[in-house]
């Protein structure tokens, strides 16, 4: 399966993410949802720092997945894992940028 490099914008920062061509639309949707959720948490003023905001969103989404009406399918779990992996990669790159 070939991968394209897709640029998504989250919290005014651009991230390059490897993504199969047939999943680009879903990746953009996920990035837009993540951006919205992170902005909502930031606007609450209770959480400071991009990494902490991202972790709060991840915790909220995981909680909803676990408690949102039964068992998640394998496809759902795989999808969440892929998004988590991409988020981890983006956060790692962000930390590297902040260090430099």
C-alpha atoms as a PDB file:
ATOM      1  CA  UNK A   1       0.000   0.000   0.000  1.00  0.00           C
ATOM      2  CA  UNK A   2       1.574   3.291  -1.087  1.00  0.00           C
ATOM      3  CA  UNK A   3       1.733   6.272   1.244  1.00  0.00           C
ATOM      4  CA  UNK A   4       1.337   9.951   0.440  1.00  0.00           C
ATOM      5  CA  UNK A   5       2.647  12.713   2.625  1.00  0.00           C
ATOM      6  CA  UNK A   6      -0.320  14.780   3.706  1.00  0.00           C
ATOM      7  CA  UNK A   7      -0.081  18.115   5.481  1.00  0.00           C
ATOM      8  CA  UNK A   8      -2.652  18.767   8.200  1.00  0.00           C
ATOM      9  CA  UNK A   9      -2.976  21.913  10.259  1.00  0.00           C
ATOM     10  CA  UNK A  10      -3.700  21.613  13.972  1.00  0.00           C
ATOM     11  CA  UNK A  11      -3.599  24.540  16.381  1.00  0.00           C
ATOM     12  CA  UNK A  12      -1.932  26.747  13.743  1.00  0.00           C
ATOM     13  CA  UNK A  13       0.884  24.265  13.196  1.00  0.00           C
ATOM     14  CA  UNK A  14       1.432  22.128  10.127  1.00  0.00           C
ATOM     15  CA  UNK A  15       2.192  18.440  10.431  1.00  0.00           C
ATOM     16  CA  UNK A  16       3.289  16.081   7.676  1.00  0.00           C
ATOM     17  CA  UNK A  17       1.674  12.681   8.030  1.00  0.00           C
ATOM     18  CA  UNK A  18       2.150   9.560   5.921  1.00  0.00           C
ATOM     19  CA  UNK A  19      -1.243   8.358   4.763  1.00  0.00           C
ATOM     20  CA  UNK A  20      -2.596   5.915   2.163  1.00  0.00           C
ATOM     21  CA  UNK A  21      -4.282   7.830  -0.678  1.00  0.00           C
ATOM     22  CA  UNK A  22      -7.687   6.314   0.036  1.00  0.00           C
ATOM     23  CA  UNK A  23      -7.597   7.573   3.644  1.00  0.00           C
ATOM     24  CA  UNK A  24      -6.655  11.219   3.026  1.00  0.00           C
ATOM     25  CA  UNK A  25     -10.206  12.539   3.406  1.00  0.00           C
ATOM     26  CA  UNK A  26     -10.589  10.719   6.718  1.00  0.00           C
ATOM     27  CA  UNK A  27      -7.250  12.059   7.930  1.00  0.00           C
ATOM     28  CA  UNK A  28      -8.319  15.622   7.102  1.00  0.00           C
ATOM     29  CA  UNK A  29     -11.618  15.059   8.938  1.00  0.00           C
ATOM     30  CA  UNK A  30      -9.772  13.673  11.959  1.00  0.00           C
ATOM     31  CA  UNK A  31      -7.343  16.615  11.945  1.00  0.00           C
ATOM     32  CA  UNK A  32     -10.216  19.112  11.757  1.00  0.00           C
ATOM     33  CA  UNK A  33     -12.009  17.391  14.629  1.00  0.00           C
ATOM     34  CA  UNK A  34      -8.815  17.262  16.696  1.00  0.00           C
ATOM     35  CA  UNK A  35      -8.147  20.944  16.005  1.00  0.00           C
ATOM     36  CA  UNK A  36     -11.681  21.855  17.109  1.00  0.00           C
ATOM     37  CA  UNK A  37     -11.453  19.773  20.285  1.00  0.00           C
ATOM     38  CA  UNK A  38      -8.039  21.175  21.180  1.00  0.00           C
ATOM     39  CA  UNK A  39      -9.237  24.748  20.644  1.00  0.00           C
ATOM     40  CA  UNK A  40     -12.257  24.108  22.872  1.00  0.00           C
ATOM     41  CA  UNK A  41     -10.040  22.816  25.675  1.00  0.00           C
ATOM     42  CA  UNK A  42      -7.596  25.695  25.239  1.00  0.00           C
ATOM     43  CA  UNK A  43     -10.430  28.246  25.355  1.00  0.00           C
ATOM     44  CA  UNK A  44     -11.626  26.801  28.668  1.00  0.00           C
ATOM     45  CA  UNK A  45      -8.406  28.155  30.163  1.00  0.00           C
ATOM     46  CA  UNK A  46      -8.050  25.142  32.442  1.00  0.00           C
ATOM     47  CA  UNK A  47      -5.272  23.416  30.491  1.00  0.00           C
ATOM     48  CA  UNK A  48      -2.116  25.131  29.303  1.00  0.00           C
ATOM     49  CA  UNK A  49       0.386  23.786  26.802  1.00  0.00           C
ATOM     50  CA  UNK A  50      -0.142  22.126  23.463  1.00  0.00           C
ATOM     51  CA  UNK A  51       1.004  18.701  24.621  1.00  0.00           C
ATOM     52  CA  UNK A  52      -1.276  18.730  27.683  1.00  0.00           C
ATOM     53  CA  UNK A  53      -4.216  19.856  25.550  1.00  0.00           C
ATOM     54  CA  UNK A  54      -3.553  17.011  23.091  1.00  0.00           C
ATOM     55  CA  UNK A  55      -3.401  14.506  25.947  1.00  0.00           C
ATOM     56  CA  UNK A  56      -6.718  15.766  27.345  1.00  0.00           C
ATOM     57  CA  UNK A  57      -8.354  15.340  23.929  1.00  0.00           C
ATOM     58  CA  UNK A  58      -6.883  11.840  23.605  1.00  0.00           C
ATOM     59  CA  UNK A  59      -8.158  10.912  27.073  1.00  0.00           C
ATOM     60  CA  UNK A  60     -11.620  12.315  26.337  1.00  0.00           C
ATOM     61  CA  UNK A  61     -11.845  10.464  23.026  1.00  0.00           C
ATOM     62  CA  UNK A  62     -10.601   7.215  24.532  1.00  0.00           C
ATOM     63  CA  UNK A  63     -13.092   7.495  27.372  1.00  0.00           C
ATOM     64  CA  UNK A  64     -15.919   8.078  24.883  1.00  0.00           C
ATOM     65  CA  UNK A  65     -14.784   5.123  22.801  1.00  0.00           C
ATOM     66  CA  UNK A  66     -14.631   2.824  25.809  1.00  0.00           C
ATOM     67  CA  UNK A  67     -17.918   3.988  27.330  1.00  0.00           C
ATOM     68  CA  UNK A  68     -19.827   4.987  24.229  1.00  0.00           C
ATOM     69  CA  UNK A  69     -22.275   2.192  23.747  1.00  0.00           C
ATOM     70  CA  UNK A  70     -20.519  -1.126  23.848  1.00  0.00           C
ATOM     71  CA  UNK A  71     -17.469  -2.791  22.450  1.00  0.00           C
ATOM     72  CA  UNK A  72     -15.397  -1.116  19.802  1.00  0.00           C
ATOM     73  CA  UNK A  73     -14.894  -3.209  16.704  1.00  0.00           C
ATOM     74  CA  UNK A  74     -11.435  -4.302  15.639  1.00  0.00           C
ATOM     75  CA  UNK A  75     -11.629  -1.759  12.815  1.00  0.00           C
ATOM     76  CA  UNK A  76     -12.410   0.972  15.364  1.00  0.00           C
ATOM     77  CA  UNK A  77      -9.506  -0.082  17.565  1.00  0.00           C
ATOM     78  CA  UNK A  78      -7.177  -0.197  14.564  1.00  0.00           C
ATOM     79  CA  UNK A  79      -8.360   3.230  13.477  1.00  0.00           C
ATOM     80  CA  UNK A  80      -7.797   4.679  16.951  1.00  0.00           C
ATOM     81  CA  UNK A  81      -4.342   3.096  17.046  1.00  0.00           C
ATOM     82  CA  UNK A  82      -3.428   4.659  13.691  1.00  0.00           C
ATOM     83  CA  UNK A  83      -4.619   8.080  14.838  1.00  0.00           C
ATOM     84  CA  UNK A  84      -2.764   7.696  18.156  1.00  0.00           C
ATOM     85  CA  UNK A  85       0.407   6.693  16.307  1.00  0.00           C
ATOM     86  CA  UNK A  86       0.107   9.735  14.046  1.00  0.00           C
ATOM     87  CA  UNK A  87      -0.554  11.964  17.046  1.00  0.00           C
ATOM     88  CA  UNK A  88       2.483  10.574  18.850  1.00  0.00           C
ATOM     89  CA  UNK A  89       4.619  11.211  15.773  1.00  0.00           C
ATOM     90  CA  UNK A  90       3.309  14.772  15.452  1.00  0.00           C
ATOM     91  CA  UNK A  91       3.871  15.478  19.155  1.00  0.00           C
ATOM     92  CA  UNK A  92       7.403  14.114  18.914  1.00  0.00           C
ATOM     93  CA  UNK A  93       8.115  16.445  15.986  1.00  0.00           C
ATOM     94  CA  UNK A  94       6.563  19.349  17.879  1.00  0.00           C
ATOM     95  CA  UNK A  95       8.765  18.661  20.914  1.00  0.00           C
ATOM     96  CA  UNK A  96      11.802  18.588  18.640  1.00  0.00           C
ATOM     97  CA  UNK A  97      10.831  21.974  17.166  1.00  0.00           C
ATOM     98  CA  UNK A  98      10.313  23.445  20.631  1.00  0.00           C
ATOM     99  CA  UNK A  99      13.768  22.232  21.730  1.00  0.00           C
ATOM    100  CA  UNK A 100      15.497  23.936  18.790  1.00  0.00           C
END
